[in-house]
Amino acid sequence: GDLDTYCDVFGRLSEYPPKNKFDVPSGYCTWYYYYADVTEKDLLENLDAMAKHRSSCYAADVVQIDDGYQTFQGDWLDQNDSWPTPVGEIARKITSAGMKAGIWIMPTTASTASRVYREHPDWFLKSADGETAVLSGWSPAPDHLWAWLDATIPEVREHIAHVFKTFRSMGYTYFKMDGLYFGLQKGIRRDPSATSVSAFRLLLETIRKAVPDVVLLACSEPFMPCLGLV
């Protein structure tokens, strides 16, 4: 159909051609039982069970932490009290059990309670009145008001690249990138010539170049702006 044709043409013209083959892994994701209340203890109990039953129908190729490990949305390298063990050590536990380590992140977003927002309020999209553009997200207060990083700012791209490279150095090779549609919000960006889509792709290109050898799962976004990058 028309979508197949579009993807075909895009693949030929793009510097990021689509992969011819992608083996969909089986995976364990903490979100669908524990949601944001997951703790390190929960994850390790399940990891231990999967390690003991690698030949069962519950075996997983990827074990992915989904929310709950960070202090606030946007502070991805700051762990909360329910995760006393460094997440790098958690990654080593996962890989030593014969599975790939995955982690959840929202690279386009930070809550107004986050350290990154408090330290760098100029990194975020502005509304027409010059104030930070904010929407209410799904997290409980005080983590519920979300702002969107302006990917046209070089320091923002450096920050996000650093986060992904740090997780990659810890051993994480699978990233669930959630809430990506927040990166397509309309607003005033540092680069006035940028569109929502061009800024969005700039961020995804930054991430892909920072961690070229990982699986990037794109979640909650239109398909077209992600073509060739995830």
C-alpha atoms as a PDB file:
ATOM      1  CA  GLY A   1       0.000   0.000   0.000  1.00  0.00           C
ATOM      2  CA  ASP A   2       0.908   3.695   0.128  1.00  0.00           C
ATOM      3  CA  LEU A   3       2.638   3.332   3.516  1.00  0.00           C
ATOM      4  CA  ASP A   4       4.856   0.534   2.187  1.00  0.00           C
ATOM      5  CA  THR A   5       5.791   2.695  -0.810  1.00  0.00           C
ATOM      6  CA  TYR A   6       6.593   5.667   1.418  1.00  0.00           C
ATOM      7  CA  CYS A   7       8.817   3.552   3.667  1.00  0.00           C
ATOM      8  CA  ASP A   8      10.529   2.040   0.629  1.00  0.00           C
ATOM      9  CA  VAL A   9      11.373   5.454  -0.820  1.00  0.00           C
ATOM     10  CA  PHE A  10      12.416   6.829   2.572  1.00  0.00           C
ATOM     11  CA  GLY A  11      14.700   3.854   3.127  1.00  0.00           C
ATOM     12  CA  ARG A  12      16.486   4.436  -0.171  1.00  0.00           C
ATOM     13  CA  LEU A  13      16.961   8.158   0.450  1.00  0.00           C
ATOM     14  CA  SER A  14      17.750   8.108   4.152  1.00  0.00           C
ATOM     15  CA  GLU A  15      21.210   7.952   5.709  1.00  0.00           C
ATOM     16  CA  TYR A  16      19.556   5.585   8.215  1.00  0.00           C
ATOM     17  CA  PRO A  17      18.299   2.726   6.046  1.00  0.00           C
ATOM     18  CA  PRO A  18      15.889   0.291   7.714  1.00  0.00           C
ATOM     19  CA  LYS A  19      17.190  -3.055   8.884  1.00  0.00           C
ATOM     20  CA  ASN A  20      16.189  -5.930   6.627  1.00  0.00           C
ATOM     21  CA  LYS A  21      15.641  -8.233   9.576  1.00  0.00           C
ATOM     22  CA  PHE A  22      14.783  -7.657  13.205  1.00  0.00           C
ATOM     23  CA  ASP A  23      14.288 -10.528  15.583  1.00  0.00           C
ATOM     24  CA  VAL A  24      11.661  -9.478  18.108  1.00  0.00           C
ATOM     25  CA  PRO A  25      12.956 -10.537  21.525  1.00  0.00           C
ATOM     26  CA  SER A  26      10.886 -11.986  24.314  1.00  0.00           C
ATOM     27  CA  GLY A  27      11.026  -9.726  27.313  1.00  0.00           C
ATOM     28  CA  TYR A  28      10.098  -9.115  30.919  1.00  0.00           C
ATOM     29  CA  CYS A  29       8.931  -5.573  31.700  1.00  0.00           C
ATOM     30  CA  THR A  30       8.206  -4.477  35.268  1.00  0.00           C
ATOM     31  CA  TRP A  31       5.526  -1.943  34.326  1.00  0.00           C
ATOM     32  CA  TYR A  32       2.683  -4.326  33.549  1.00  0.00           C
ATOM     33  CA  TYR A  33       2.457  -5.620  37.107  1.00  0.00           C
ATOM     34  CA  TYR A  34       4.180  -3.122  39.385  1.00  0.00           C
ATOM     35  CA  TYR A  35       3.745   0.121  37.412  1.00  0.00           C
ATOM     36  CA  ALA A  36       5.711   3.028  38.934  1.00  0.00           C
ATOM     37  CA  ASP A  37       5.761   1.355  42.365  1.00  0.00           C
ATOM     38  CA  VAL A  38       8.333  -1.244  41.336  1.00  0.00           C
ATOM     39  CA  THR A  39      11.266  -1.635  43.716  1.00  0.00           C
ATOM     40  CA  GLU A  40      14.697  -3.151  43.337  1.00  0.00           C
ATOM     41  CA  LYS A  41      13.538  -6.075  45.483  1.00  0.00           C
ATOM     42  CA  ASP A  42      10.643  -6.767  43.093  1.00  0.00           C
ATOM     43  CA  LEU A  43      12.915  -6.771  40.073  1.00  0.00           C
ATOM     44  CA  LEU A  44      15.534  -9.014  41.671  1.00  0.00           C
ATOM     45  CA  GLU A  45      12.925 -11.548  42.844  1.00  0.00           C
ATOM     46  CA  ASN A  46      11.603 -11.867  39.311  1.00  0.00           C
ATOM     47  CA  LEU A  47      15.096 -11.980  37.833  1.00  0.00           C
ATOM     48  CA  ASP A  48      15.967 -14.836  40.165  1.00  0.00           C
ATOM     49  CA  ALA A  49      12.830 -16.745  39.100  1.00  0.00           C
ATOM     50  CA  MET A  50      13.590 -16.239  35.397  1.00  0.00           C
ATOM     51  CA  ALA A  51      17.213 -17.315  35.876  1.00  0.00           C
ATOM     52  CA  LYS A  52      16.059 -20.542  37.539  1.00  0.00           C
ATOM     53  CA  HIS A  53      13.545 -21.325  34.797  1.00  0.00           C
ATOM     54  CA  ARG A  54      15.381 -20.400  31.598  1.00  0.00           C
ATOM     55  CA  SER A  55      13.834 -23.345  29.740  1.00  0.00           C
ATOM     56  CA  SER A  56      10.235 -22.496  30.687  1.00  0.00           C
ATOM     57  CA  CYS A  57       7.615 -20.551  28.748  1.00  0.00           C
ATOM     58  CA  TYR A  58       8.378 -17.593  31.045  1.00  0.00           C
ATOM     59  CA  ALA A  59      11.973 -17.244  29.881  1.00  0.00           C
ATOM     60  CA  ALA A  60      13.003 -13.800  28.621  1.00  0.00           C
ATOM     61  CA  ASP A  61      15.702 -12.498  26.296  1.00  0.00           C
ATOM     62  CA  VAL A  62      15.451  -9.009  27.810  1.00  0.00           C
ATOM     63  CA  VAL A  63      14.753  -7.922  31.387  1.00  0.00           C
ATOM     64  CA  GLN A  64      13.644  -4.296  31.359  1.00  0.00           C
ATOM     65  CA  ILE A  65      13.227  -1.936  34.311  1.00  0.00           C
ATOM     66  CA  ASP A  66      10.214   0.233  33.544  1.00  0.00           C
ATOM     67  CA  ASP A  67       9.900   3.383  35.690  1.00  0.00           C
ATOM     68  CA  GLY A  68      10.317   3.529  39.456  1.00  0.00           C
ATOM     69  CA  TYR A  69      14.120   3.588  39.630  1.00  0.00           C
ATOM     70  CA  GLN A  70      14.635   7.351  39.223  1.00  0.00           C
ATOM     71  CA  THR A  71      13.971  10.150  41.699  1.00  0.00           C
ATOM     72  CA  PHE A  72      11.914  12.282  39.295  1.00  0.00           C
ATOM     73  CA  GLN A  73      10.981  12.136  35.624  1.00  0.00           C
ATOM     74  CA  GLY A  74      13.983  13.634  33.848  1.00  0.00           C
ATOM     75  CA  ASP A  75      16.589  12.739  36.493  1.00  0.00           C
ATOM     76  CA  TRP A  76      17.403   9.402  34.921  1.00  0.00           C
ATOM     77  CA  LEU A  77      20.788   8.971  36.574  1.00  0.00           C
ATOM     78  CA  ASP A  78      19.493   9.747  40.088  1.00  0.00           C
ATOM     79  CA  GLN A  79      18.099   6.690  41.897  1.00  0.00           C
ATOM     80  CA  ASN A  80      15.343   6.775  44.489  1.00  0.00           C
ATOM     81  CA  ASP A  81      15.475   5.095  47.884  1.00  0.00           C
ATOM     82  CA  SER A  82      13.703   1.919  46.755  1.00  0.00           C
ATOM     83  CA  TRP A  83      16.709   1.138  44.505  1.00  0.00           C
ATOM     84  CA  PRO A  84      19.710   1.099  46.902  1.00  0.00           C
ATOM     85  CA  THR A  85      21.919  -0.857  44.487  1.00  0.00           C
ATOM     86  CA  PRO A  86      23.432   1.144  41.606  1.00  0.00           C
ATOM     87  CA  VAL A  87      21.526   0.345  38.411  1.00  0.00           C
ATOM     88  CA  GLY A  88      24.852  -0.514  36.783  1.00  0.00           C
ATOM     89  CA  GLU A  89      25.177  -3.400  39.206  1.00  0.00           C
ATOM     90  CA  ILE A  90      21.582  -4.411  38.430  1.00  0.00           C
ATOM     91  CA  ALA A  91      22.527  -4.547  34.744  1.00  0.00           C
ATOM     92  CA  ARG A  92      25.428  -6.853  35.585  1.00  0.00           C
ATOM     93  CA  LYS A  93      23.100  -9.128  37.548  1.00  0.00           C
ATOM     94  CA  ILE A  94      20.770  -9.331  34.532  1.00  0.00           C
ATOM     95  CA  THR A  95      23.510 -10.061  32.019  1.00  0.00           C
ATOM     96  CA  SER A  96      25.232 -12.570  34.307  1.00  0.00           C
ATOM     97  CA  ALA A  97      21.899 -14.417  34.425  1.00  0.00           C
ATOM     98  CA  GLY A  98      22.095 -14.788  30.639  1.00  0.00           C
ATOM     99  CA  MET A  99      19.669 -12.024  29.660  1.00  0.00           C
ATOM    100  CA  LYS A 100      20.001  -8.557  28.153  1.00  0.00           C
ATOM    101  CA  ALA A 101      19.503  -5.526  30.385  1.00  0.00           C
ATOM    102  CA  GLY A 102      16.857  -2.998  29.410  1.00  0.00           C
ATOM    103  CA  ILE A 103      15.716   0.270  30.923  1.00  0.00           C
ATOM    104  CA  TRP A 104      12.837   2.718  30.523  1.00  0.00           C
ATOM    105  CA  ILE A 105      13.382   6.415  29.894  1.00  0.00           C
ATOM    106  CA  MET A 106      11.443   9.452  28.625  1.00  0.00           C
ATOM    107  CA  PRO A 107      14.155  11.413  26.796  1.00  0.00           C
ATOM    108  CA  THR A 108      11.897  14.267  25.691  1.00  0.00           C
ATOM    109  CA  THR A 109      10.482  15.072  29.119  1.00  0.00           C
ATOM    110  CA  ALA A 110      11.248  16.199  32.670  1.00  0.00           C
ATOM    111  CA  SER A 111       8.941  17.096  35.522  1.00  0.00           C
ATOM    112  CA  THR A 112       9.048  20.534  37.116  1.00  0.00           C
ATOM    113  CA  ALA A 113      10.139  18.794  40.351  1.00  0.00           C
ATOM    114  CA  SER A 114      13.258  17.359  38.727  1.00  0.00           C
ATOM    115  CA  ARG A 115      16.799  18.508  39.331  1.00  0.00           C
ATOM    116  CA  VAL A 116      17.402  18.952  35.598  1.00  0.00           C
ATOM    117  CA  TYR A 117      14.436  21.329  35.375  1.00  0.00           C
ATOM    118  CA  ARG A 118      15.437  23.304  38.465  1.00  0.00           C
ATOM    119  CA  GLU A 119      19.040  23.635  37.311  1.00  0.00           C
ATOM    120  CA  HIS A 120      18.321  24.315  33.632  1.00  0.00           C
ATOM    121  CA  PRO A 121      14.899  25.984  33.191  1.00  0.00           C
ATOM    122  CA  ASP A 122      16.173  27.528  29.950  1.00  0.00           C
ATOM    123  CA  TRP A 123      16.438  24.067  28.358  1.00  0.00           C
ATOM    124  CA  PHE A 124      12.675  23.691  27.947  1.00  0.00           C
ATOM    125  CA  LEU A 125      10.058  24.693  25.384  1.00  0.00           C
ATOM    126  CA  LYS A 126       8.272  27.953  26.026  1.00  0.00           C
ATOM    127  CA  SER A 127       4.653  28.825  25.385  1.00  0.00           C
ATOM    128  CA  ALA A 128       3.561  31.975  23.567  1.00  0.00           C
ATOM    129  CA  ASP A 129       3.685  34.015  26.790  1.00  0.00           C
ATOM    130  CA  GLY A 130       7.334  33.083  27.352  1.00  0.00           C
ATOM    131  CA  GLU A 131       6.620  30.727  30.233  1.00  0.00           C
ATOM    132  CA  THR A 132       7.676  27.061  30.237  1.00  0.00           C
ATOM    133  CA  ALA A 133       5.112  24.933  28.428  1.00  0.00           C
ATOM    134  CA  VAL A 134       3.756  22.331  30.870  1.00  0.00           C
ATOM    135  CA  LEU A 135       1.197  19.530  30.757  1.00  0.00           C
ATOM    136  CA  SER A 136      -0.065  17.190  33.462  1.00  0.00           C
ATOM    137  CA  GLY A 137       1.472  13.719  33.095  1.00  0.00           C
ATOM    138  CA  TRP A 138       0.514  10.379  34.624  1.00  0.00           C
ATOM    139  CA  SER A 139       2.887  10.550  37.625  1.00  0.00           C
ATOM    140  CA  PRO A 140       1.627  11.483  41.098  1.00  0.00           C
ATOM    141  CA  ALA A 141       2.460  14.893  42.600  1.00  0.00           C
ATOM    142  CA  PRO A 142       4.996  16.453  42.867  1.00  0.00           C
ATOM    143  CA  ASP A 143       6.205  14.651  39.715  1.00  0.00           C
ATOM    144  CA  HIS A 144       3.041  15.274  37.702  1.00  0.00           C
ATOM    145  CA  LEU A 145       3.773  18.504  35.804  1.00  0.00           C
ATOM    146  CA  TRP A 146       5.899  17.793  32.741  1.00  0.00           C
ATOM    147  CA  ALA A 147       7.947  20.104  30.550  1.00  0.00           C
ATOM    148  CA  TRP A 148       9.636  19.249  27.237  1.00  0.00           C
ATOM    149  CA  LEU A 149      13.283  19.534  26.423  1.00  0.00           C
ATOM    150  CA  ASP A 150      14.208  21.766  23.501  1.00  0.00           C
ATOM    151  CA  ALA A 151      16.323  19.521  21.288  1.00  0.00           C
ATOM    152  CA  THR A 152      17.514  22.491  19.216  1.00  0.00           C
ATOM    153  CA  ILE A 153      19.738  23.520  22.166  1.00  0.00           C
ATOM    154  CA  PRO A 154      23.177  21.864  21.851  1.00  0.00           C
ATOM    155  CA  GLU A 155      23.527  21.463  25.630  1.00  0.00           C
ATOM    156  CA  VAL A 156      20.250  19.531  25.739  1.00  0.00           C
ATOM    157  CA  ARG A 157      21.479  17.105  23.097  1.00  0.00           C
ATOM    158  CA  GLU A 158      24.781  16.704  24.964  1.00  0.00           C
ATOM    159  CA  HIS A 159      22.857  15.987  28.168  1.00  0.00           C
ATOM    160  CA  ILE A 160      20.658  13.320  26.578  1.00  0.00           C
ATOM    161  CA  ALA A 161      23.626  11.737  24.775  1.00  0.00           C
ATOM    162  CA  HIS A 162      25.460  11.572  28.113  1.00  0.00           C
ATOM    163  CA  VAL A 163      22.502   9.821  29.786  1.00  0.00           C
ATOM    164  CA  PHE A 164      22.269   7.169  27.073  1.00  0.00           C
ATOM    165  CA  LYS A 165      26.035   6.655  26.901  1.00  0.00           C
ATOM    166  CA  THR A 166      26.166   6.267  30.684  1.00  0.00           C
ATOM    167  CA  PHE A 167      23.469   3.595  30.682  1.00  0.00           C
ATOM    168  CA  ARG A 168      25.189   1.878  27.754  1.00  0.00           C
ATOM    169  CA  SER A 169      28.486   1.837  29.671  1.00  0.00           C
ATOM    170  CA  MET A 170      26.624   0.136  32.536  1.00  0.00           C
ATOM    171  CA  GLY A 171      25.569  -2.679  30.222  1.00  0.00           C
ATOM    172  CA  TYR A 172      22.073  -1.622  29.128  1.00  0.00           C
ATOM    173  CA  THR A 173      21.514  -2.554  25.489  1.00  0.00           C
ATOM    174  CA  TYR A 174      17.729  -2.154  25.240  1.00  0.00           C
ATOM    175  CA  PHE A 175      15.983   1.188  25.800  1.00  0.00           C
ATOM    176  CA  LYS A 176      12.240   1.688  25.984  1.00  0.00           C
ATOM    177  CA  MET A 177      11.821   5.359  25.053  1.00  0.00           C
ATOM    178  CA  ASP A 178       8.379   6.335  26.288  1.00  0.00           C
ATOM    179  CA  GLY A 179       6.219   9.453  26.018  1.00  0.00           C
ATOM    180  CA  LEU A 180       8.009  10.465  22.832  1.00  0.00           C
ATOM    181  CA  TYR A 181       4.998  12.408  21.589  1.00  0.00           C
ATOM    182  CA  PHE A 182       5.810  15.053  24.191  1.00  0.00           C
ATOM    183  CA  GLY A 183       8.826  15.884  22.026  1.00  0.00           C
ATOM    184  CA  LEU A 184       6.477  16.848  19.200  1.00  0.00           C
ATOM    185  CA  GLN A 185       4.671  19.571  21.147  1.00  0.00           C
ATOM    186  CA  LYS A 186       4.311  23.002  19.612  1.00  0.00           C
ATOM    187  CA  GLY A 187       6.173  25.773  21.368  1.00  0.00           C
ATOM    188  CA  ILE A 188       8.940  28.335  21.135  1.00  0.00           C
ATOM    189  CA  ARG A 189      12.329  26.700  20.588  1.00  0.00           C
ATOM    190  CA  ARG A 190      15.827  28.186  20.658  1.00  0.00           C
ATOM    191  CA  ASP A 191      16.053  27.666  16.888  1.00  0.00           C
ATOM    192  CA  PRO A 192      13.064  29.532  15.395  1.00  0.00           C
ATOM    193  CA  SER A 193      13.473  27.747  12.056  1.00  0.00           C
ATOM    194  CA  ALA A 194      12.918  24.310  13.624  1.00  0.00           C
ATOM    195  CA  THR A 195       9.616  22.512  13.387  1.00  0.00           C
ATOM    196  CA  SER A 196       8.265  20.063  15.953  1.00  0.00           C
ATOM    197  CA  VAL A 197       9.227  17.194  13.646  1.00  0.00           C
ATOM    198  CA  SER A 198      12.723  18.448  12.775  1.00  0.00           C
ATOM    199  CA  ALA A 199      13.522  19.021  16.466  1.00  0.00           C
ATOM    200  CA  PHE A 200      12.137  15.585  17.331  1.00  0.00           C
ATOM    201  CA  ARG A 201      14.259  13.860  14.695  1.00  0.00           C
ATOM    202  CA  LEU A 202      17.298  15.825  15.831  1.00  0.00           C
ATOM    203  CA  LEU A 203      16.890  14.346  19.307  1.00  0.00           C
ATOM    204  CA  LEU A 204      16.427  10.806  17.965  1.00  0.00           C
ATOM    205  CA  GLU A 205      19.480  11.202  15.719  1.00  0.00           C
ATOM    206  CA  THR A 206      21.485  12.346  18.735  1.00  0.00           C
ATOM    207  CA  ILE A 207      20.429   9.255  20.681  1.00  0.00           C
ATOM    208  CA  ARG A 208      21.062   6.855  17.805  1.00  0.00           C
ATOM    209  CA  LYS A 209      24.556   8.243  17.244  1.00  0.00           C
ATOM    210  CA  ALA A 210      25.312   8.121  20.981  1.00  0.00           C
ATOM    211  CA  VAL A 211      24.362   4.431  21.247  1.00  0.00           C
ATOM    212  CA  PRO A 212      24.530   2.944  17.752  1.00  0.00           C
ATOM    213  CA  ASP A 213      24.620  -0.694  18.876  1.00  0.00           C
ATOM    214  CA  VAL A 214      21.499  -0.887  21.073  1.00  0.00           C
ATOM    215  CA  VAL A 215      17.812  -1.613  20.549  1.00  0.00           C
ATOM    216  CA  LEU A 216      15.783   1.608  20.707  1.00  0.00           C
ATOM    217  CA  LEU A 217      12.097   0.903  21.244  1.00  0.00           C
ATOM    218  CA  ALA A 218       9.997   3.963  20.377  1.00  0.00           C
ATOM    219  CA  CYS A 219       6.788   4.243  22.395  1.00  0.00           C
ATOM    220  CA  SER A 220       3.844   6.655  22.170  1.00  0.00           C
ATOM    221  CA  GLU A 221       4.741   8.539  19.017  1.00  0.00           C
ATOM    222  CA  PRO A 222       3.673   8.869  15.363  1.00  0.00           C
ATOM    223  CA  PHE A 223       5.586   6.389  13.223  1.00  0.00           C
ATOM    224  CA  MET A 224       6.714   8.685  10.399  1.00  0.00           C
ATOM    225  CA  PRO A 225       9.090  10.995  12.346  1.00  0.00           C
ATOM    226  CA  CYS A 226      10.884   7.927  13.747  1.00  0.00           C
ATOM    227  CA  LEU A 227      11.622   6.176  10.454  1.00  0.00           C
ATOM    228  CA  GLY A 228      15.148   4.852  10.168  1.00  0.00           C
ATOM    229  CA  LEU A 229      16.149   5.734  13.729  1.00  0.00           C
ATOM    230  CA  VAL A 230      14.417   3.196  15.986  1.00  0.00           C
END
